[in-house]
Amino acid sequence: MTLRHDEAQYFALKTAIEGILGHEAWLDLKECTEVAKWRRYFLKLIEAIRVSLEASVEICDQGWRDEVRENLNRGKNKVKASKSIEDLLSSLTATLLRQTFLQIGQLPNRTMIAEKVTLSRQNWRLCGYRSVQYVQTPAQVEAVFWHEQQSRIGFPEQIALHDRYRNSRSKLSFSQWCRNLESEQVTSSAQGSSQVSSSK
């Protein structure tokens, strides 16, 4: 396939890269027909995965780190050797596919196995070598709540709500205080509706 001067070509991939590497990546790739520039961004993505894992994964065994390093290094070498956009996409996809299962805990190896692999859960319980846990500290729970609330009600209203929280001097976390407030408002609204109905 020939790269076209066309924003719609690989649009989903371009927007995904923008979300990870920023708007400059979108500007560079939105109508890009240069294999070399795509290669550069693919290599940057693989390197970003490596840096992110080193900075974010706090507890893991050395065997997992070795497998990840091997996969990412193989991916970078394949991308560097790719001469066409098809080869680039194939190399990146293979790397990310393997990395996905490594993140779950174990990369399946069913090469040369003749039997059909079904989607039975017993075939996909990949915790034979290690178990993966995603845990949150109280600060992380608050960070997620803050982000989701801001998306839902907007920044100005959130700041006003946080000011009310601070002025209340509550010992609860902000997220719990907001949930209690919402619960009280729902109860109050329900009681008001019930009283209106009774008066009729």
N, C-alpha and C. Protein backbone atom coordinates (compact mmCIF):
# COMPACT_ATOMS: atom_id res chain seq x y z
N MET A 1 0.83 -1.19 0.00
CA MET A 1 0.00 0.00 0.00
C MET A 1 0.87 1.24 0.00
N THR A 2 0.48 2.23 -0.79
CA THR A 2 1.24 3.47 -0.89
C THR A 2 0.73 4.48 0.14
N LEU A 3 1.65 5.14 0.81
CA LEU A 3 1.27 6.21 1.72
C LEU A 3 0.72 7.38 0.90
N ARG A 4 -0.44 7.90 1.32
CA ARG A 4 -1.08 8.99 0.60
C ARG A 4 -1.03 10.28 1.41
N HIS A 5 -1.09 11.39 0.70
CA HIS A 5 -1.19 12.70 1.34
C HIS A 5 -2.64 12.89 1.77
N ASP A 6 -3.05 12.08 2.76
CA ASP A 6 -4.47 11.95 3.09
C ASP A 6 -4.63 11.78 4.60
N GLU A 7 -5.26 12.73 5.23
CA GLU A 7 -5.46 12.70 6.67
C GLU A 7 -6.24 11.46 7.11
N ALA A 8 -7.15 10.98 6.25
CA ALA A 8 -8.01 9.85 6.60
C ALA A 8 -7.26 8.52 6.61
N GLN A 9 -6.14 8.43 5.89
CA GLN A 9 -5.39 7.18 5.86
C GLN A 9 -4.77 6.92 7.23
N TYR A 10 -5.03 5.75 7.79
CA TYR A 10 -4.54 5.37 9.13
C TYR A 10 -4.98 6.37 10.20
N PHE A 11 -6.18 6.92 10.04
CA PHE A 11 -6.65 7.97 10.95
C PHE A 11 -6.66 7.49 12.40
N ALA A 12 -7.18 6.29 12.64
CA ALA A 12 -7.25 5.77 14.01
C ALA A 12 -5.86 5.67 14.64
N LEU A 13 -4.89 5.23 13.85
CA LEU A 13 -3.53 5.11 14.34
C LEU A 13 -2.92 6.48 14.62
N LYS A 14 -3.17 7.42 13.74
CA LYS A 14 -2.64 8.78 13.92
C LYS A 14 -3.18 9.42 15.19
N THR A 15 -4.48 9.27 15.43
CA THR A 15 -5.06 9.87 16.63
C THR A 15 -4.57 9.17 17.90
N ALA A 16 -4.36 7.85 17.81
CA ALA A 16 -3.82 7.13 18.96
C ALA A 16 -2.40 7.61 19.28
N ILE A 17 -1.58 7.80 18.24
CA ILE A 17 -0.22 8.29 18.45
C ILE A 17 -0.24 9.69 19.02
N GLU A 18 -1.17 10.52 18.53
CA GLU A 18 -1.28 11.87 19.07
C GLU A 18 -1.61 11.84 20.55
N GLY A 19 -2.53 10.95 20.94
CA GLY A 19 -2.89 10.85 22.34
C GLY A 19 -1.73 10.47 23.23
N ILE A 20 -0.77 9.73 22.68
CA ILE A 20 0.38 9.27 23.47
C ILE A 20 1.56 10.24 23.38
N LEU A 21 1.83 10.74 22.18
CA LEU A 21 3.05 11.55 21.97
C LEU A 21 2.77 13.03 21.75
N GLY A 22 1.50 13.43 21.72
CA GLY A 22 1.19 14.85 21.64
C GLY A 22 0.81 15.33 20.25
N HIS A 23 0.33 16.59 20.21
CA HIS A 23 -0.23 17.15 18.98
C HIS A 23 0.81 17.30 17.87
N GLU A 24 2.06 17.49 18.24
CA GLU A 24 3.10 17.62 17.22
C GLU A 24 3.18 16.35 16.38
N ALA A 25 2.96 15.20 17.01
CA ALA A 25 2.97 13.93 16.27
C ALA A 25 1.85 13.91 15.24
N TRP A 26 0.69 14.41 15.62
CA TRP A 26 -0.43 14.48 14.68
C TRP A 26 -0.09 15.36 13.48
N LEU A 27 0.50 16.52 13.76
CA LEU A 27 0.86 17.44 12.68
C LEU A 27 1.89 16.81 11.75
N ASP A 28 2.80 16.04 12.31
CA ASP A 28 3.83 15.40 11.49
C ASP A 28 3.28 14.25 10.64
N LEU A 29 2.27 13.55 11.16
CA LEU A 29 1.83 12.31 10.51
C LEU A 29 0.52 12.43 9.75
N LYS A 30 -0.24 13.50 9.95
CA LYS A 30 -1.60 13.52 9.42
C LYS A 30 -1.67 13.39 7.89
N GLU A 31 -0.66 13.90 7.18
CA GLU A 31 -0.62 13.75 5.73
C GLU A 31 0.76 13.28 5.27
N CYS A 32 1.41 12.52 6.15
CA CYS A 32 2.80 12.11 5.91
C CYS A 32 2.88 10.98 4.89
N THR A 33 3.78 11.13 3.95
CA THR A 33 4.03 10.08 2.95
C THR A 33 5.45 9.53 3.05
N GLU A 34 6.17 9.90 4.12
CA GLU A 34 7.56 9.49 4.29
C GLU A 34 7.66 8.29 5.23
N VAL A 35 8.14 7.18 4.72
CA VAL A 35 8.32 5.99 5.56
C VAL A 35 9.28 6.28 6.70
N ALA A 36 10.30 7.07 6.43
CA ALA A 36 11.31 7.37 7.45
C ALA A 36 10.70 8.08 8.66
N LYS A 37 9.74 8.98 8.40
CA LYS A 37 9.12 9.70 9.51
C LYS A 37 8.22 8.77 10.32
N TRP A 38 7.47 7.90 9.65
CA TRP A 38 6.68 6.90 10.36
C TRP A 38 7.57 5.99 11.19
N ARG A 39 8.71 5.60 10.60
CA ARG A 39 9.65 4.74 11.32
C ARG A 39 10.13 5.44 12.60
N ARG A 40 10.42 6.71 12.49
CA ARG A 40 10.92 7.47 13.64
C ARG A 40 9.88 7.48 14.77
N TYR A 41 8.64 7.66 14.42
CA TYR A 41 7.60 7.69 15.46
C TYR A 41 7.33 6.30 16.03
N PHE A 42 7.42 5.28 15.21
CA PHE A 42 7.24 3.92 15.73
C PHE A 42 8.34 3.57 16.73
N LEU A 43 9.56 3.95 16.41
CA LEU A 43 10.68 3.71 17.33
C LEU A 43 10.49 4.50 18.63
N LYS A 44 9.96 5.72 18.51
CA LYS A 44 9.72 6.52 19.70
C LYS A 44 8.63 5.89 20.57
N LEU A 45 7.61 5.32 19.94
CA LEU A 45 6.56 4.63 20.70
C LEU A 45 7.11 3.45 21.48
N ILE A 46 7.93 2.65 20.82
CA ILE A 46 8.52 1.49 21.50
C ILE A 46 9.41 1.93 22.65
N GLU A 47 10.17 2.98 22.43
CA GLU A 47 11.03 3.50 23.49
C GLU A 47 10.21 4.08 24.63
N ALA A 48 9.08 4.71 24.30
CA ALA A 48 8.19 5.26 25.33
C ALA A 48 7.63 4.14 26.21
N ILE A 49 7.33 3.00 25.62
CA ILE A 49 6.86 1.85 26.39
C ILE A 49 7.94 1.41 27.37
N ARG A 50 9.18 1.32 26.87
CA ARG A 50 10.29 0.90 27.73
C ARG A 50 10.47 1.85 28.91
N VAL A 51 10.51 3.16 28.62
CA VAL A 51 10.71 4.15 29.67
C VAL A 51 9.54 4.13 30.66
N SER A 52 8.33 4.01 30.13
CA SER A 52 7.15 3.99 30.99
C SER A 52 7.16 2.80 31.94
N LEU A 53 7.54 1.64 31.43
CA LEU A 53 7.59 0.45 32.28
C LEU A 53 8.64 0.61 33.37
N GLU A 54 9.80 1.14 33.01
CA GLU A 54 10.85 1.32 34.00
C GLU A 54 10.43 2.32 35.07
N ALA A 55 9.67 3.35 34.67
CA ALA A 55 9.28 4.40 35.60
C ALA A 55 8.05 4.03 36.42
N SER A 56 7.22 3.12 35.90
CA SER A 56 5.91 2.88 36.52
C SER A 56 5.77 1.54 37.23
N VAL A 57 6.43 0.49 36.72
CA VAL A 57 6.30 -0.84 37.34
C VAL A 57 7.29 -0.93 38.50
N GLU A 58 6.77 -0.99 39.72
CA GLU A 58 7.62 -0.92 40.89
C GLU A 58 8.08 -2.30 41.38
N ILE A 59 7.23 -3.32 41.21
CA ILE A 59 7.56 -4.65 41.71
C ILE A 59 7.38 -5.66 40.58
N CYS A 60 8.44 -6.36 40.23
CA CYS A 60 8.37 -7.42 39.22
C CYS A 60 9.63 -8.27 39.32
N ASP A 61 9.59 -9.44 38.70
CA ASP A 61 10.75 -10.32 38.73
C ASP A 61 11.67 -10.01 37.56
N GLN A 62 12.91 -10.39 37.69
CA GLN A 62 13.91 -10.10 36.66
C GLN A 62 13.60 -10.83 35.36
N GLY A 63 13.00 -12.02 35.47
CA GLY A 63 12.65 -12.76 34.26
C GLY A 63 11.68 -12.00 33.39
N TRP A 64 10.71 -11.34 34.01
CA TRP A 64 9.75 -10.53 33.25
C TRP A 64 10.44 -9.35 32.59
N ARG A 65 11.31 -8.70 33.34
CA ARG A 65 12.04 -7.56 32.76
C ARG A 65 12.87 -8.01 31.55
N ASP A 66 13.46 -9.17 31.65
CA ASP A 66 14.28 -9.69 30.55
C ASP A 66 13.41 -9.97 29.32
N GLU A 67 12.24 -10.55 29.53
CA GLU A 67 11.34 -10.84 28.41
C GLU A 67 10.86 -9.55 27.75
N VAL A 68 10.55 -8.57 28.56
CA VAL A 68 10.11 -7.28 28.01
C VAL A 68 11.22 -6.63 27.21
N ARG A 69 12.42 -6.63 27.77
CA ARG A 69 13.54 -6.02 27.07
C ARG A 69 13.80 -6.71 25.74
N GLU A 70 13.74 -8.04 25.74
CA GLU A 70 13.96 -8.80 24.51
C GLU A 70 12.89 -8.47 23.47
N ASN A 71 11.64 -8.40 23.90
CA ASN A 71 10.56 -8.10 22.96
C ASN A 71 10.69 -6.71 22.36
N LEU A 72 10.96 -5.72 23.21
CA LEU A 72 11.06 -4.35 22.72
C LEU A 72 12.30 -4.16 21.84
N ASN A 73 13.39 -4.79 22.20
CA ASN A 73 14.59 -4.69 21.37
C ASN A 73 14.37 -5.35 20.01
N ARG A 74 13.72 -6.50 20.02
CA ARG A 74 13.40 -7.17 18.75
C ARG A 74 12.50 -6.27 17.90
N GLY A 75 11.53 -5.67 18.54
CA GLY A 75 10.63 -4.78 17.82
C GLY A 75 11.35 -3.60 17.20
N LYS A 76 12.25 -2.99 17.96
CA LYS A 76 13.00 -1.84 17.42
C LYS A 76 13.85 -2.27 16.24
N ASN A 77 14.48 -3.43 16.32
CA ASN A 77 15.32 -3.91 15.21
C ASN A 77 14.47 -4.19 13.97
N LYS A 78 13.28 -4.76 14.17
CA LYS A 78 12.40 -5.03 13.04
C LYS A 78 11.92 -3.73 12.40
N VAL A 79 11.58 -2.76 13.22
CA VAL A 79 11.13 -1.47 12.70
C VAL A 79 12.25 -0.79 11.92
N LYS A 80 13.46 -0.82 12.46
CA LYS A 80 14.60 -0.20 11.77
C LYS A 80 14.86 -0.84 10.42
N ALA A 81 14.59 -2.14 10.32
CA ALA A 81 14.87 -2.86 9.08
C ALA A 81 13.73 -2.75 8.07
N SER A 82 12.59 -2.24 8.47
CA SER A 82 11.41 -2.18 7.60
C SER A 82 11.59 -1.11 6.53
N LYS A 83 11.24 -1.46 5.30
CA LYS A 83 11.41 -0.54 4.18
C LYS A 83 10.09 0.05 3.67
N SER A 84 8.97 -0.54 4.08
CA SER A 84 7.67 -0.08 3.60
C SER A 84 6.75 0.15 4.78
N ILE A 85 5.66 0.87 4.55
CA ILE A 85 4.71 1.10 5.63
C ILE A 85 4.07 -0.21 6.07
N GLU A 86 3.88 -1.14 5.13
CA GLU A 86 3.32 -2.44 5.51
C GLU A 86 4.24 -3.18 6.47
N ASP A 87 5.53 -3.16 6.18
CA ASP A 87 6.48 -3.83 7.07
C ASP A 87 6.56 -3.13 8.43
N LEU A 88 6.50 -1.81 8.41
CA LEU A 88 6.52 -1.06 9.66
C LEU A 88 5.32 -1.42 10.53
N LEU A 89 4.14 -1.43 9.92
CA LEU A 89 2.93 -1.76 10.67
C LEU A 89 2.97 -3.19 11.19
N SER A 90 3.48 -4.12 10.38
CA SER A 90 3.60 -5.51 10.80
C SER A 90 4.54 -5.64 11.99
N SER A 91 5.66 -4.96 11.93
CA SER A 91 6.65 -5.04 13.02
C SER A 91 6.11 -4.45 14.31
N LEU A 92 5.46 -3.28 14.20
CA LEU A 92 4.91 -2.64 15.40
C LEU A 92 3.78 -3.47 15.99
N THR A 93 2.90 -3.96 15.13
CA THR A 93 1.76 -4.76 15.61
C THR A 93 2.23 -6.01 16.34
N ALA A 94 3.22 -6.71 15.77
CA ALA A 94 3.74 -7.92 16.40
C ALA A 94 4.34 -7.61 17.76
N THR A 95 5.07 -6.50 17.84
CA THR A 95 5.70 -6.10 19.10
C THR A 95 4.65 -5.80 20.16
N LEU A 96 3.63 -5.02 19.80
CA LEU A 96 2.59 -4.65 20.76
C LEU A 96 1.72 -5.84 21.14
N LEU A 97 1.51 -6.75 20.21
CA LEU A 97 0.73 -7.95 20.51
C LEU A 97 1.44 -8.79 21.57
N ARG A 98 2.73 -9.01 21.39
CA ARG A 98 3.50 -9.76 22.38
C ARG A 98 3.53 -9.01 23.72
N GLN A 99 3.70 -7.69 23.64
CA GLN A 99 3.79 -6.91 24.87
C GLN A 99 2.49 -6.95 25.66
N THR A 100 1.37 -6.99 24.97
CA THR A 100 0.07 -7.06 25.65
C THR A 100 -0.01 -8.29 26.55
N PHE A 101 0.40 -9.43 26.02
CA PHE A 101 0.34 -10.66 26.81
C PHE A 101 1.41 -10.69 27.89
N LEU A 102 2.56 -10.09 27.63
CA LEU A 102 3.57 -9.98 28.68
C LEU A 102 3.04 -9.15 29.84
N GLN A 103 2.26 -8.11 29.54
CA GLN A 103 1.70 -7.28 30.60
C GLN A 103 0.70 -8.07 31.44
N ILE A 104 0.03 -9.04 30.83
CA ILE A 104 -0.91 -9.89 31.58
C ILE A 104 -0.16 -10.85 32.47
N GLY A 105 1.06 -11.20 32.07
CA GLY A 105 1.87 -12.05 32.93
C GLY A 105 2.70 -13.08 32.20
N GLN A 106 2.27 -13.49 31.02
CA GLN A 106 2.99 -14.57 30.32
C GLN A 106 2.64 -14.55 28.84
N LEU A 107 3.65 -14.66 28.00
CA LEU A 107 3.44 -14.71 26.56
C LEU A 107 3.19 -16.16 26.15
N PRO A 108 2.01 -16.48 25.61
CA PRO A 108 1.76 -17.87 25.17
C PRO A 108 2.74 -18.27 24.07
N ASN A 109 3.13 -19.52 24.07
CA ASN A 109 4.00 -20.04 23.01
C ASN A 109 3.38 -21.31 22.45
N ARG A 110 2.59 -21.15 21.41
CA ARG A 110 1.89 -22.29 20.83
C ARG A 110 2.37 -22.57 19.41
N THR A 111 3.58 -22.14 19.12
CA THR A 111 4.16 -22.39 17.81
C THR A 111 4.23 -23.89 17.53
N MET A 112 3.78 -24.29 16.35
CA MET A 112 3.80 -25.68 15.88
C MET A 112 2.82 -26.59 16.62
N ILE A 113 1.92 -26.02 17.44
CA ILE A 113 0.90 -26.83 18.09
C ILE A 113 -0.25 -27.00 17.11
N ALA A 114 -0.58 -28.22 16.80
CA ALA A 114 -1.55 -28.49 15.75
C ALA A 114 -2.99 -28.29 16.20
N GLU A 115 -3.26 -28.55 17.48
CA GLU A 115 -4.64 -28.47 17.96
C GLU A 115 -5.17 -27.04 17.87
N LYS A 116 -6.47 -26.95 17.58
CA LYS A 116 -7.11 -25.64 17.53
C LYS A 116 -7.12 -25.01 18.92
N VAL A 117 -6.75 -23.74 19.00
CA VAL A 117 -6.75 -23.03 20.28
C VAL A 117 -8.09 -22.32 20.43
N THR A 118 -8.87 -22.75 21.40
CA THR A 118 -10.17 -22.14 21.64
C THR A 118 -10.03 -21.00 22.65
N LEU A 119 -11.12 -20.27 22.84
CA LEU A 119 -11.13 -19.17 23.79
C LEU A 119 -11.62 -19.60 25.17
N SER A 120 -11.48 -20.88 25.44
CA SER A 120 -11.81 -21.38 26.78
C SER A 120 -10.90 -20.69 27.81
N ARG A 121 -11.46 -20.32 28.94
CA ARG A 121 -10.70 -19.60 29.98
C ARG A 121 -9.44 -20.36 30.40
N GLN A 122 -9.50 -21.69 30.40
CA GLN A 122 -8.34 -22.47 30.84
C GLN A 122 -7.15 -22.29 29.90
N ASN A 123 -7.41 -21.90 28.64
CA ASN A 123 -6.32 -21.65 27.71
C ASN A 123 -5.70 -20.26 27.88
N TRP A 124 -6.36 -19.41 28.64
CA TRP A 124 -5.93 -18.02 28.71
C TRP A 124 -5.69 -17.54 30.13
N ARG A 125 -5.54 -18.48 31.03
CA ARG A 125 -5.15 -18.12 32.39
C ARG A 125 -3.62 -18.08 32.43
N LEU A 126 -3.09 -16.89 32.25
CA LEU A 126 -1.65 -16.73 32.02
C LEU A 126 -0.92 -16.29 33.29
N CYS A 127 -1.13 -17.02 34.35
CA CYS A 127 -0.48 -16.67 35.62
C CYS A 127 0.39 -17.82 36.11
N GLY A 128 0.90 -18.63 35.18
CA GLY A 128 1.75 -19.75 35.58
C GLY A 128 3.11 -19.32 36.07
N TYR A 129 3.59 -18.19 35.57
CA TYR A 129 4.92 -17.70 35.95
C TYR A 129 4.87 -16.58 36.98
N ARG A 130 3.83 -15.77 36.90
CA ARG A 130 3.69 -14.62 37.79
C ARG A 130 2.24 -14.16 37.78
N SER A 131 1.85 -13.41 38.80
CA SER A 131 0.50 -12.85 38.87
C SER A 131 0.59 -11.33 38.81
N VAL A 132 -0.32 -10.74 38.10
CA VAL A 132 -0.35 -9.28 37.94
C VAL A 132 -1.44 -8.70 38.83
N GLN A 133 -1.13 -7.64 39.54
CA GLN A 133 -2.11 -6.93 40.35
C GLN A 133 -2.06 -5.45 40.00
N TYR A 134 -3.23 -4.85 39.85
CA TYR A 134 -3.31 -3.41 39.68
C TYR A 134 -3.92 -2.85 40.95
N VAL A 135 -3.14 -2.12 41.72
CA VAL A 135 -3.58 -1.60 43.00
C VAL A 135 -3.51 -0.08 42.99
N GLN A 136 -4.25 0.55 43.89
CA GLN A 136 -4.27 2.00 43.98
C GLN A 136 -4.00 2.45 45.41
N THR A 137 -3.16 3.45 45.56
CA THR A 137 -2.99 4.12 46.84
C THR A 137 -4.16 5.08 47.04
N PRO A 138 -4.41 5.54 48.26
CA PRO A 138 -5.46 6.54 48.46
C PRO A 138 -5.28 7.78 47.58
N ALA A 139 -4.04 8.20 47.38
CA ALA A 139 -3.78 9.37 46.54
C ALA A 139 -4.17 9.10 45.09
N GLN A 140 -3.92 7.88 44.62
CA GLN A 140 -4.28 7.53 43.25
C GLN A 140 -5.79 7.44 43.07
N VAL A 141 -6.48 6.93 44.10
CA VAL A 141 -7.95 6.90 44.06
C VAL A 141 -8.50 8.31 43.93
N GLU A 142 -7.93 9.23 44.70
CA GLU A 142 -8.38 10.63 44.64
C GLU A 142 -8.07 11.25 43.28
N ALA A 143 -6.93 10.89 42.70
CA ALA A 143 -6.55 11.44 41.40
C ALA A 143 -7.53 10.99 40.31
N VAL A 144 -7.93 9.72 40.37
CA VAL A 144 -8.90 9.20 39.40
C VAL A 144 -10.25 9.89 39.58
N PHE A 145 -10.69 10.04 40.82
CA PHE A 145 -11.97 10.70 41.10
C PHE A 145 -11.94 12.14 40.59
N TRP A 146 -10.85 12.86 40.87
CA TRP A 146 -10.71 14.25 40.44
C TRP A 146 -10.82 14.36 38.92
N HIS A 147 -10.15 13.49 38.21
CA HIS A 147 -10.17 13.50 36.75
C HIS A 147 -11.57 13.21 36.22
N GLU A 148 -12.21 12.19 36.75
CA GLU A 148 -13.54 11.81 36.27
C GLU A 148 -14.58 12.87 36.60
N GLN A 149 -14.48 13.44 37.80
CA GLN A 149 -15.43 14.48 38.19
C GLN A 149 -15.28 15.72 37.32
N GLN A 150 -14.03 16.10 37.04
CA GLN A 150 -13.77 17.28 36.20
C GLN A 150 -14.34 17.08 34.80
N SER A 151 -14.23 15.87 34.27
CA SER A 151 -14.79 15.58 32.95
C SER A 151 -16.31 15.66 32.97
N ARG A 152 -16.90 15.34 34.13
CA ARG A 152 -18.36 15.29 34.24
C ARG A 152 -18.98 16.66 34.49
N ILE A 153 -18.40 17.47 35.38
CA ILE A 153 -19.04 18.72 35.78
C ILE A 153 -18.28 19.97 35.34
N GLY A 154 -17.06 19.82 34.86
CA GLY A 154 -16.27 20.97 34.42
C GLY A 154 -15.38 21.52 35.52
N PHE A 155 -14.31 22.19 35.12
CA PHE A 155 -13.30 22.67 36.07
C PHE A 155 -13.84 23.74 37.03
N PRO A 156 -14.54 24.79 36.54
CA PRO A 156 -15.00 25.83 37.47
C PRO A 156 -15.92 25.30 38.57
N GLU A 157 -16.86 24.43 38.20
CA GLU A 157 -17.77 23.88 39.21
C GLU A 157 -17.03 22.98 40.18
N GLN A 158 -16.02 22.26 39.67
CA GLN A 158 -15.24 21.39 40.55
C GLN A 158 -14.47 22.21 41.57
N ILE A 159 -13.88 23.32 41.14
CA ILE A 159 -13.12 24.18 42.06
C ILE A 159 -14.04 24.75 43.12
N ALA A 160 -15.25 25.17 42.71
CA ALA A 160 -16.21 25.70 43.68
C ALA A 160 -16.59 24.63 44.69
N LEU A 161 -16.76 23.40 44.21
CA LEU A 161 -17.10 22.30 45.09
C LEU A 161 -15.96 22.00 46.04
N HIS A 162 -14.73 22.06 45.55
CA HIS A 162 -13.56 21.80 46.40
C HIS A 162 -13.41 22.88 47.46
N ASP A 163 -13.76 24.12 47.12
CA ASP A 163 -13.73 25.20 48.12
C ASP A 163 -14.73 24.92 49.24
N ARG A 164 -15.92 24.43 48.87
CA ARG A 164 -16.92 24.07 49.88
C ARG A 164 -16.38 22.96 50.78
N TYR A 165 -15.69 22.00 50.17
CA TYR A 165 -15.11 20.89 50.92
C TYR A 165 -14.07 21.41 51.92
N ARG A 166 -13.20 22.29 51.47
CA ARG A 166 -12.17 22.83 52.36
C ARG A 166 -12.79 23.62 53.50
N ASN A 167 -13.81 24.41 53.18
CA ASN A 167 -14.46 25.22 54.21
C ASN A 167 -15.22 24.37 55.22
N SER A 168 -15.63 23.18 54.81
CA SER A 168 -16.35 22.29 55.73
C SER A 168 -15.44 21.67 56.78
N ARG A 169 -14.13 21.70 56.50
CA ARG A 169 -13.13 21.11 57.40
C ARG A 169 -13.42 19.62 57.68
N SER A 170 -13.99 18.96 56.70
CA SER A 170 -14.31 17.54 56.85
C SER A 170 -13.04 16.71 56.93
N LYS A 171 -13.09 15.65 57.71
CA LYS A 171 -11.97 14.73 57.82
C LYS A 171 -12.04 13.64 56.74
N LEU A 172 -13.13 13.63 56.00
CA LEU A 172 -13.26 12.67 54.90
C LEU A 172 -12.38 13.07 53.74
N SER A 173 -12.08 12.13 52.86
CA SER A 173 -11.40 12.48 51.61
C SER A 173 -12.38 13.27 50.75
N PHE A 174 -11.84 14.00 49.79
CA PHE A 174 -12.70 14.80 48.92
C PHE A 174 -13.69 13.93 48.17
N SER A 175 -13.23 12.78 47.68
CA SER A 175 -14.12 11.90 46.91
C SER A 175 -15.27 11.39 47.79
N GLN A 176 -14.96 10.98 49.02
CA GLN A 176 -16.01 10.48 49.90
C GLN A 176 -16.97 11.59 50.29
N TRP A 177 -16.43 12.78 50.53
CA TRP A 177 -17.28 13.92 50.88
C TRP A 177 -18.25 14.23 49.75
N CYS A 178 -17.76 14.18 48.51
CA CYS A 178 -18.62 14.44 47.35
C CYS A 178 -19.69 13.37 47.21
N ARG A 179 -19.32 12.12 47.45
CA ARG A 179 -20.30 11.04 47.34
C ARG A 179 -21.38 11.18 48.41
N ASN A 180 -20.98 11.56 49.62
CA ASN A 180 -21.96 11.79 50.68
C ASN A 180 -22.89 12.94 50.33
N LEU A 181 -22.31 13.99 49.75
CA LEU A 181 -23.11 15.15 49.36
C LEU A 181 -24.12 14.78 48.28
N GLU A 182 -23.67 14.01 47.30
CA GLU A 182 -24.57 13.58 46.23
C GLU A 182 -25.68 12.69 46.79
N SER A 183 -25.33 11.82 47.73
CA SER A 183 -26.33 10.93 48.34
C SER A 183 -27.37 11.75 49.10
N GLU A 184 -26.92 12.77 49.83
CA GLU A 184 -27.84 13.63 50.57
C GLU A 184 -28.76 14.39 49.63
N GLN A 185 -28.20 14.84 48.50
CA GLN A 185 -29.01 15.57 47.54
C GLN A 185 -30.07 14.68 46.91
N VAL A 186 -29.69 13.44 46.61
CA VAL A 186 -30.65 12.49 46.04
C VAL A 186 -31.76 12.19 47.03
N THR A 187 -31.39 11.98 48.31
CA THR A 187 -32.37 11.69 49.35
C THR A 187 -33.31 12.87 49.54
N SER A 188 -32.73 14.07 49.56
CA SER A 188 -33.54 15.28 49.73
C SER A 188 -34.51 15.47 48.58
N SER A 189 -34.01 15.21 47.37
CA SER A 189 -34.85 15.35 46.18
C SER A 189 -35.99 14.33 46.19
N ALA A 190 -35.68 13.10 46.62
CA ALA A 190 -36.70 12.05 46.68
C ALA A 190 -37.76 12.38 47.72
N GLN A 191 -37.34 12.93 48.87
CA GLN A 191 -38.27 13.29 49.92
C GLN A 191 -39.17 14.44 49.46
N GLY A 192 -38.56 15.39 48.73
CA GLY A 192 -39.34 16.50 48.20
C GLY A 192 -40.40 16.04 47.22
N SER A 193 -40.03 15.11 46.36
CA SER A 193 -40.98 14.57 45.38
C SER A 193 -42.10 13.81 46.08
N SER A 194 -41.76 13.09 47.15
CA SER A 194 -42.75 12.32 47.89
C SER A 194 -43.74 13.25 48.58
N GLN A 195 -43.26 14.37 49.12
CA GLN A 195 -44.13 15.31 49.78
C GLN A 195 -45.08 15.97 48.80
N VAL A 196 -44.59 16.28 47.60
CA VAL A 196 -45.42 16.89 46.56
C VAL A 196 -46.53 15.94 46.17
N SER A 197 -46.16 14.65 46.02
CA SER A 197 -47.13 13.63 45.62
C SER A 197 -48.20 13.47 46.71
N SER A 198 -47.79 13.52 47.97
CA SER A 198 -48.72 13.35 49.08
C SER A 198 -49.71 14.50 49.15
N SER A 199 -49.21 15.71 48.89
CA SER A 199 -50.06 16.89 48.95
C SER A 199 -51.13 16.89 47.87
N LYS A 200 -50.87 16.17 46.76
CA LYS A 200 -51.86 16.09 45.68
C LYS A 200 -52.95 15.10 46.06
